[in-house]
Amino acid sequence: MKLFRKILFPLVPLYYGVVFLRNKFFDWSLFGSKTYEFPVLSIGNLSVGGTGKTPMIEYLVTLLASKYKTATLSRGYGRKSKGFLIASPEMSSRDIGDEPLQLFNKFKNITVGVDADRQNGLKRLKAHNPLLEVVLLDDAFQHRKVTAGFNILLTAYDHLYCDDIVLPTGNLREPRSGANRAQVIVVTKCPEQMSGLEKTAIIKRLNPESYQAVFFSSIQYGETLRSSTSSCALTALKGTHFTLVTGIANPKPLVSYLTGMGLDFEHLSYKDHHEFSKSELERIHSKAKVVTTEKDFMRLNPDTNDHIYYLPIQLKIDKASEFENLVETYVEEF
């Protein structure tokens, strides 16, 4: 696959030129973009693959939803439905996607909407709840038809956008200059212990504009595994053999974490948002004990299988109070 992408390198300038012009047409108002009379925060990235958008959405929901009537809006990647939908108890990941379903199950005080057309989605959310005060747009950095008032750009510690090039050889959806639209840049999936010198070096490589703030975040794994009906301590897995199932963009950090604990497991790895076939589900359900991510848990039909557990994760942001102040100031002063 890597060789094939290298062969496609002559197409990189063409892709770059098309996306660069598209962005310029929006910048020059030749393409229309809609602004809104309520706070809209966009969380996204420049690259394909996982940079930790869902943990960031959850962090922001926790920060804002107790004070404001909050909604999330995403495309609902991998769903089989079309158009605008609002999550409800009878829906599955096939209806709204695994990440929106995860948000719906975890946060009962927000509205979770899906729509590939973000303009239409925002319109429908506001019509559904005229008192809506804040909307979080998931994976919407390239959706220029909506002008978010506050843009949070994520980039992974081990794959910074400043070290990459655009598709099809690289992983960037748009040129690196697109980062200039963000008010905040968050370097995600960092080691928990980072020196000030390393942070300074990364900031220098990112070369942010004077109006941009850069933060660093890491993933904290939970101490308790959860199933549909029960829970158990992660340490209870020591001395046992289990199966790890992942369908995420980059499972390496999770694999490294579990390996570092000295746990014994086999790893069944699938592509991001993988739709499990009947035979794959049968194989997974036949395992004595399964551990998976919270996102994958939504697609594994775990309701009647008490031996399938997920490991919760939580985002930890360095200088969290400064980050939260920027977000809350935007919302309060809107």
Protein backbone atom coordinates (compact mmCIF):
# COMPACT_ATOMS: atom_id res chain seq x y z
CA MET A 1 0.00 0.00 0.00
CA LYS A 2 2.84 2.39 0.89
CA LEU A 3 4.54 1.63 -2.43
CA PHE A 4 1.31 2.24 -4.33
CA ARG A 5 0.87 5.61 -2.64
CA LYS A 6 4.43 6.56 -3.53
CA ILE A 7 3.68 5.68 -7.16
CA LEU A 8 0.80 8.15 -7.02
CA PHE A 9 3.15 11.00 -6.03
CA PRO A 10 2.74 12.76 -9.45
CA LEU A 11 -0.92 13.34 -8.49
CA VAL A 12 0.02 15.22 -5.31
CA PRO A 13 0.45 18.63 -7.04
CA LEU A 14 -2.93 18.19 -8.77
CA TYR A 15 -4.71 17.36 -5.49
CA TYR A 16 -2.89 20.19 -3.74
CA GLY A 17 -3.88 22.69 -6.44
CA VAL A 18 -7.57 21.73 -6.46
CA VAL A 19 -7.95 21.89 -2.67
CA PHE A 20 -5.85 25.07 -2.40
CA LEU A 21 -8.08 26.83 -4.95
CA ARG A 22 -11.22 25.59 -3.23
CA ASN A 23 -10.05 27.10 0.05
CA LYS A 24 -9.11 30.36 -1.66
CA PHE A 25 -12.55 30.60 -3.27
CA PHE A 26 -14.08 30.35 0.21
CA ASP A 27 -11.57 32.88 1.57
CA TRP A 28 -12.45 35.28 -1.26
CA SER A 29 -16.22 34.69 -0.74
CA LEU A 30 -16.57 33.27 -4.24
CA PHE A 31 -18.02 30.17 -2.58
CA GLY A 32 -20.75 30.82 -0.02
CA SER A 33 -20.33 30.04 3.68
CA LYS A 34 -22.97 30.50 6.37
CA THR A 35 -22.42 32.05 9.80
CA TYR A 36 -24.72 31.50 12.78
CA GLU A 37 -26.28 33.53 15.56
CA PHE A 38 -25.25 31.02 18.21
CA PRO A 39 -21.86 29.53 19.16
CA VAL A 40 -20.61 26.86 16.75
CA LEU A 41 -17.36 25.09 17.61
CA SER A 42 -15.65 22.89 15.02
CA ILE A 43 -13.34 20.04 16.01
CA GLY A 44 -11.32 18.53 13.19
CA ASN A 45 -7.95 17.81 11.68
CA LEU A 46 -5.96 18.20 8.48
CA SER A 47 -5.13 14.52 8.15
CA VAL A 48 -7.07 11.35 7.55
CA GLY A 49 -7.00 8.83 10.35
CA GLY A 50 -7.52 9.12 14.07
CA THR A 51 -6.36 12.19 15.95
CA GLY A 52 -8.72 11.81 18.91
CA LYS A 53 -11.74 13.85 17.85
CA THR A 54 -14.30 11.90 19.89
CA PRO A 55 -12.41 12.24 23.22
CA MET A 56 -12.17 15.98 22.51
CA ILE A 57 -15.91 16.19 21.80
CA GLU A 58 -16.59 14.37 25.07
CA TYR A 59 -14.27 16.76 26.93
CA LEU A 60 -16.14 19.75 25.52
CA VAL A 61 -19.55 18.24 26.26
CA THR A 62 -18.48 17.72 29.87
CA LEU A 63 -17.27 21.33 29.99
CA LEU A 64 -20.30 22.98 28.40
CA ALA A 65 -23.43 20.84 28.68
CA SER A 66 -24.06 21.55 32.36
CA LYS A 67 -24.31 25.28 31.59
CA TYR A 68 -25.70 25.43 28.05
CA LYS A 69 -28.21 23.53 25.93
CA THR A 70 -25.71 21.66 23.82
CA ALA A 71 -25.84 19.53 20.66
CA THR A 72 -23.29 17.63 18.63
CA LEU A 73 -23.44 17.25 14.87
CA SER A 74 -21.40 14.83 12.78
CA ARG A 75 -21.65 13.03 9.48
CA GLY A 76 -22.29 9.72 11.23
CA TYR A 77 -19.51 7.86 9.43
CA GLY A 78 -20.38 4.28 8.52
CA ARG A 79 -24.14 4.59 9.02
CA LYS A 80 -26.55 3.07 6.50
CA SER A 81 -29.10 5.87 6.77
CA LYS A 82 -29.19 9.13 4.84
CA GLY A 83 -29.96 12.74 5.63
CA PHE A 84 -30.62 14.33 9.01
CA LEU A 85 -31.35 12.21 12.08
CA ILE A 86 -31.48 12.87 15.80
CA ALA A 87 -30.30 9.99 17.98
CA SER A 88 -32.98 8.11 19.90
CA PRO A 89 -32.94 5.00 22.14
CA GLU A 90 -34.06 2.56 19.44
CA MET A 91 -31.24 3.49 17.05
CA SER A 92 -28.07 1.49 16.44
CA SER A 93 -24.68 2.33 14.95
CA ARG A 94 -26.10 1.38 11.55
CA ASP A 95 -28.58 4.24 11.90
CA ILE A 96 -26.33 7.02 13.21
CA GLY A 97 -22.73 5.71 13.29
CA ASP A 98 -20.65 4.37 16.17
CA GLU A 99 -19.27 7.65 17.51
CA PRO A 100 -22.64 9.49 17.68
CA LEU A 101 -24.15 6.41 19.35
CA GLN A 102 -21.34 6.47 21.90
CA LEU A 103 -22.07 10.13 22.67
CA PHE A 104 -25.81 9.49 22.90
CA ASN A 105 -25.36 6.59 25.32
CA LYS A 106 -22.90 8.50 27.50
CA PHE A 107 -24.49 11.96 27.69
CA LYS A 108 -28.23 12.18 28.36
CA ASN A 109 -28.29 15.98 28.59
CA ILE A 110 -27.36 16.77 24.96
CA THR A 111 -28.89 16.38 21.51
CA VAL A 112 -26.91 14.20 19.10
CA GLY A 113 -27.54 14.86 15.40
CA VAL A 114 -26.06 13.45 12.20
CA ASP A 115 -26.08 14.94 8.73
CA ALA A 116 -23.43 14.99 6.00
CA ASP A 117 -24.77 18.43 5.05
CA ARG A 118 -23.66 20.52 8.04
CA GLN A 119 -25.70 23.55 6.97
CA ASN A 120 -28.88 21.51 6.85
CA GLY A 121 -27.96 19.74 10.08
CA LEU A 122 -27.53 23.00 11.96
CA LYS A 123 -30.79 24.32 10.58
CA ARG A 124 -32.66 21.17 11.59
CA LEU A 125 -31.09 21.07 15.07
CA LYS A 126 -32.16 24.65 15.74
CA ALA A 127 -35.67 23.89 14.46
CA HIS A 128 -35.81 20.83 16.71
CA ASN A 129 -34.79 22.90 19.73
CA PRO A 130 -35.10 26.70 19.29
CA LEU A 131 -33.48 27.15 22.72
CA LEU A 132 -30.29 25.41 21.59
CA GLU A 133 -27.26 27.42 22.74
CA VAL A 134 -24.09 25.60 21.58
CA VAL A 135 -23.30 23.15 18.77
CA LEU A 136 -20.14 21.06 18.54
CA LEU A 137 -19.29 20.06 14.97
CA ASP A 138 -17.40 16.76 14.79
CA ASP A 139 -14.86 16.38 11.98
CA ALA A 140 -15.96 19.56 10.22
CA PHE A 141 -12.72 21.47 9.65
CA GLN A 142 -12.96 21.01 5.86
CA HIS A 143 -16.69 21.83 5.73
CA ARG A 144 -16.20 25.40 4.58
CA LYS A 145 -19.90 25.94 3.78
CA VAL A 146 -20.25 26.46 7.53
CA THR A 147 -18.20 29.18 9.20
CA ALA A 148 -17.62 28.00 12.75
CA GLY A 149 -16.91 30.72 15.26
CA PHE A 150 -14.25 28.65 17.03
CA ASN A 151 -12.04 26.05 15.36
CA ILE A 152 -10.05 23.45 17.30
CA LEU A 153 -7.50 21.65 15.12
CA LEU A 154 -6.12 18.31 16.32
CA THR A 155 -2.82 16.78 15.25
CA ALA A 156 -1.32 13.55 16.60
CA TYR A 157 1.97 13.68 18.50
CA ASP A 158 3.53 10.94 16.37
CA HIS A 159 2.20 12.29 13.06
CA LEU A 160 2.21 16.08 13.09
CA TYR A 161 0.62 17.76 10.08
CA CYS A 162 3.74 19.90 9.62
CA ASP A 163 5.68 16.73 8.72
CA ASP A 164 3.17 15.47 6.15
CA ILE A 165 2.01 16.16 2.61
CA VAL A 166 -1.39 15.95 0.94
CA LEU A 167 -3.12 12.91 -0.49
CA PRO A 168 -2.72 10.54 -2.25
CA THR A 169 0.89 10.00 -1.13
CA GLY A 170 0.59 11.76 2.20
CA ASN A 171 -2.28 11.83 4.67
CA LEU A 172 -3.31 15.50 4.59
CA ARG A 173 -6.80 16.33 3.34
CA GLU A 174 -5.66 19.86 2.51
CA PRO A 175 -2.40 21.84 2.47
CA ARG A 176 -0.72 22.65 5.78
CA SER A 177 -1.69 26.31 5.36
CA GLY A 178 -5.26 25.27 6.20
CA ALA A 179 -4.19 25.17 9.84
CA ASN A 180 -4.32 28.98 9.85
CA ARG A 181 -8.12 28.82 10.17
CA ALA A 182 -7.85 27.38 13.69
CA GLN A 183 -7.94 29.43 16.86
CA VAL A 184 -6.59 26.50 18.88
CA ILE A 185 -4.23 23.67 17.93
CA VAL A 186 -4.10 20.60 20.16
CA VAL A 187 -1.31 18.04 19.87
CA THR A 188 -3.05 14.80 20.87
CA LYS A 189 -1.95 11.37 22.09
CA CYS A 190 1.16 12.76 23.75
CA PRO A 191 3.21 10.84 26.31
CA GLU A 192 2.05 11.78 29.79
CA GLN A 193 5.52 13.03 30.68
CA MET A 194 6.78 15.64 28.22
CA SER A 195 9.51 18.13 28.93
CA GLY A 196 9.06 21.82 28.34
CA LEU A 197 11.89 21.67 25.82
CA GLU A 198 10.07 19.05 23.74
CA LYS A 199 6.85 21.06 23.79
CA THR A 200 8.73 24.18 22.71
CA ALA A 201 10.37 22.24 19.87
CA ILE A 202 6.99 20.95 18.63
CA ILE A 203 5.45 24.41 18.78
CA LYS A 204 8.39 25.73 16.75
CA ARG A 205 7.82 23.02 14.12
CA LEU A 206 4.08 23.80 13.96
CA ASN A 207 4.94 27.51 13.58
CA PRO A 208 1.53 28.79 14.76
CA GLU A 209 0.25 32.26 13.97
CA SER A 210 0.26 34.90 16.72
CA TYR A 211 -3.50 34.45 17.30
CA GLN A 212 -3.25 30.68 17.76
CA ALA A 213 -2.83 28.86 21.08
CA VAL A 214 -1.17 25.43 21.16
CA PHE A 215 -1.99 22.80 23.78
CA PHE A 216 -0.88 19.23 24.45
CA SER A 217 -3.16 16.36 25.44
CA SER A 218 -2.81 12.72 26.38
CA ILE A 219 -5.11 9.75 26.71
CA GLN A 220 -5.84 8.33 30.14
CA TYR A 221 -7.13 4.77 30.16
CA GLY A 222 -9.75 3.78 32.69
CA GLU A 223 -9.08 1.37 35.51
CA THR A 224 -12.40 -0.43 35.05
CA LEU A 225 -13.65 -2.49 32.12
CA ARG A 226 -17.37 -2.21 31.35
CA SER A 227 -19.83 -4.50 29.60
CA SER A 228 -23.54 -4.07 28.96
CA THR A 229 -24.41 -5.46 32.38
CA SER A 230 -21.30 -5.52 34.55
CA SER A 231 -17.80 -4.22 35.17
CA CYS A 232 -14.45 -5.49 36.40
CA ALA A 233 -11.05 -4.08 37.22
CA LEU A 234 -8.57 -3.99 34.36
CA THR A 235 -5.99 -5.54 36.68
CA ALA A 236 -8.28 -8.60 36.99
CA LEU A 237 -7.06 -9.60 33.51
CA LYS A 238 -3.57 -10.36 34.83
CA GLY A 239 -2.87 -14.06 34.62
CA THR A 240 -5.63 -14.62 32.06
CA HIS A 241 -5.74 -14.69 28.26
CA PHE A 242 -8.18 -12.49 26.39
CA THR A 243 -8.87 -11.14 22.90
CA LEU A 244 -8.39 -7.48 22.04
CA VAL A 245 -10.60 -6.29 19.18
CA THR A 246 -9.94 -2.92 17.55
CA GLY A 247 -11.47 -1.19 14.56
CA ILE A 248 -9.79 2.20 15.00
CA ALA A 249 -7.29 4.15 12.92
CA ASN A 250 -4.34 3.67 15.26
CA PRO A 251 -4.54 0.90 17.88
CA LYS A 252 -0.81 1.05 18.71
CA PRO A 253 -1.15 3.22 21.87
CA LEU A 254 -3.77 0.87 23.33
CA VAL A 255 -1.74 -2.22 22.42
CA SER A 256 1.36 -0.68 23.99
CA TYR A 257 -0.54 0.24 27.15
CA LEU A 258 -1.95 -3.27 27.66
CA THR A 259 1.39 -4.87 26.80
CA GLY A 260 3.11 -2.56 29.28
CA MET A 261 0.80 -3.90 31.98
CA GLY A 262 2.10 -7.38 31.25
CA LEU A 263 -1.25 -8.64 29.99
CA ASP A 264 -1.59 -11.70 27.76
CA PHE A 265 -3.84 -11.23 24.73
CA GLU A 266 -4.33 -11.87 21.04
CA HIS A 267 -5.15 -8.86 18.89
CA LEU A 268 -7.79 -8.88 16.16
CA SER A 269 -7.22 -5.64 14.26
CA TYR A 270 -9.65 -4.21 11.71
CA LYS A 271 -9.75 -0.96 9.77
CA ASP A 272 -11.29 2.18 11.25
CA HIS A 273 -15.12 2.04 11.55
CA HIS A 274 -15.03 -1.56 10.28
CA GLU A 275 -18.47 -3.05 9.71
CA PHE A 276 -18.26 -6.50 11.25
CA SER A 277 -19.65 -9.31 9.14
CA LYS A 278 -21.82 -12.06 10.57
CA SER A 279 -18.90 -14.52 10.53
CA GLU A 280 -16.58 -11.99 12.19
CA LEU A 281 -19.14 -11.35 14.93
CA GLU A 282 -19.56 -15.07 15.46
CA ARG A 283 -15.78 -15.47 15.76
CA ILE A 284 -15.47 -12.59 18.22
CA HIS A 285 -18.45 -13.69 20.31
CA SER A 286 -16.99 -17.19 20.56
CA LYS A 287 -13.98 -15.88 22.47
CA ALA A 288 -13.93 -16.44 26.23
CA LYS A 289 -13.27 -12.78 27.06
CA VAL A 290 -13.11 -9.81 24.70
CA VAL A 291 -11.77 -6.31 25.38
CA THR A 292 -12.43 -3.56 22.87
CA THR A 293 -12.63 0.21 22.54
CA GLU A 294 -15.78 2.09 23.45
CA LYS A 295 -16.34 3.01 19.81
CA ASP A 296 -15.99 -0.60 18.62
CA PHE A 297 -18.23 -1.78 21.45
CA MET A 298 -21.11 0.06 19.73
CA ARG A 299 -20.76 -2.18 16.64
CA LEU A 300 -20.20 -5.54 18.31
CA ASN A 301 -23.83 -6.18 19.33
CA PRO A 302 -22.78 -6.73 22.94
CA ASP A 303 -26.20 -6.59 24.62
CA THR A 304 -26.49 -10.33 25.22
CA ASN A 305 -22.76 -11.00 25.62
CA ASP A 306 -21.53 -10.25 29.10
CA HIS A 307 -17.99 -11.33 28.19
CA ILE A 308 -17.43 -8.35 25.82
CA TYR A 309 -15.96 -5.35 27.63
CA TYR A 310 -14.75 -1.93 26.61
CA LEU A 311 -12.00 0.15 28.19
CA PRO A 312 -13.09 3.76 28.70
CA ILE A 313 -10.63 6.55 27.92
CA GLN A 314 -10.49 10.17 28.98
CA LEU A 315 -8.70 13.20 27.56
CA LYS A 316 -6.19 15.02 29.74
CA ILE A 317 -5.12 18.48 28.56
CA ASP A 318 -1.99 20.23 29.73
CA LYS A 319 -2.86 23.75 30.95
CA ALA A 320 -6.50 22.67 31.01
CA SER A 321 -7.76 25.80 32.75
CA GLU A 322 -6.25 27.99 30.03
CA PHE A 323 -7.81 25.84 27.30
CA GLU A 324 -11.20 25.81 29.01
CA ASN A 325 -11.10 29.55 29.54
CA LEU A 326 -10.61 30.13 25.81
CA VAL A 327 -13.59 27.91 24.98
CA GLU A 328 -15.88 29.34 27.66
CA THR A 329 -14.94 32.93 26.82
CA TYR A 330 -15.93 32.36 23.20
CA VAL A 331 -19.30 30.90 24.22
CA GLU A 332 -20.03 33.48 26.94
CA GLU A 333 -19.08 36.49 24.83
CA PHE A 334 -20.80 35.34 21.66
